[in-house]
């Protein structure tokens, strides 16, 4: 059974991350690119929010006896296989895991344009995931 209190705490933290990201959503790309601190705040909070999405997906899958995730994206794969999320959502969430991995492991230096775009476009995907969890899981 899914521990709804645990999931709600994680969602509350996601909401805090989104608030911190949204403080800078009105920045132009030029303003964003010139401010290392803003870039760090946005990167860190995107990283945290995506980590929490992964945690929630894996918790739902594991505690709901839907499967055994082994990789970070497996929770989303299993949710798709069990028809909880759409193929579009799966694609989006897997890309977010890839973005998270780039931040975490510094495979390459992170392109500021990608972070800026994520700040302005991926927050809605994070909110969509939160809505799905609140409406369909807990």
Foldseek 3Di string as FASTA:
>chain_A
DFPVVVLVVLVVLLVVLLVQLVVCLPPDLVRQVVDPVNLVSLLVSLLSLLQSLLVNLQRLCVVVVQDHDDDSLVSLVSCVVVPLDDPVLSVLSVVSVVSSCCSVVVPDPDDSVVSSCCSNPVSVSSVVSVVSCVPPPD
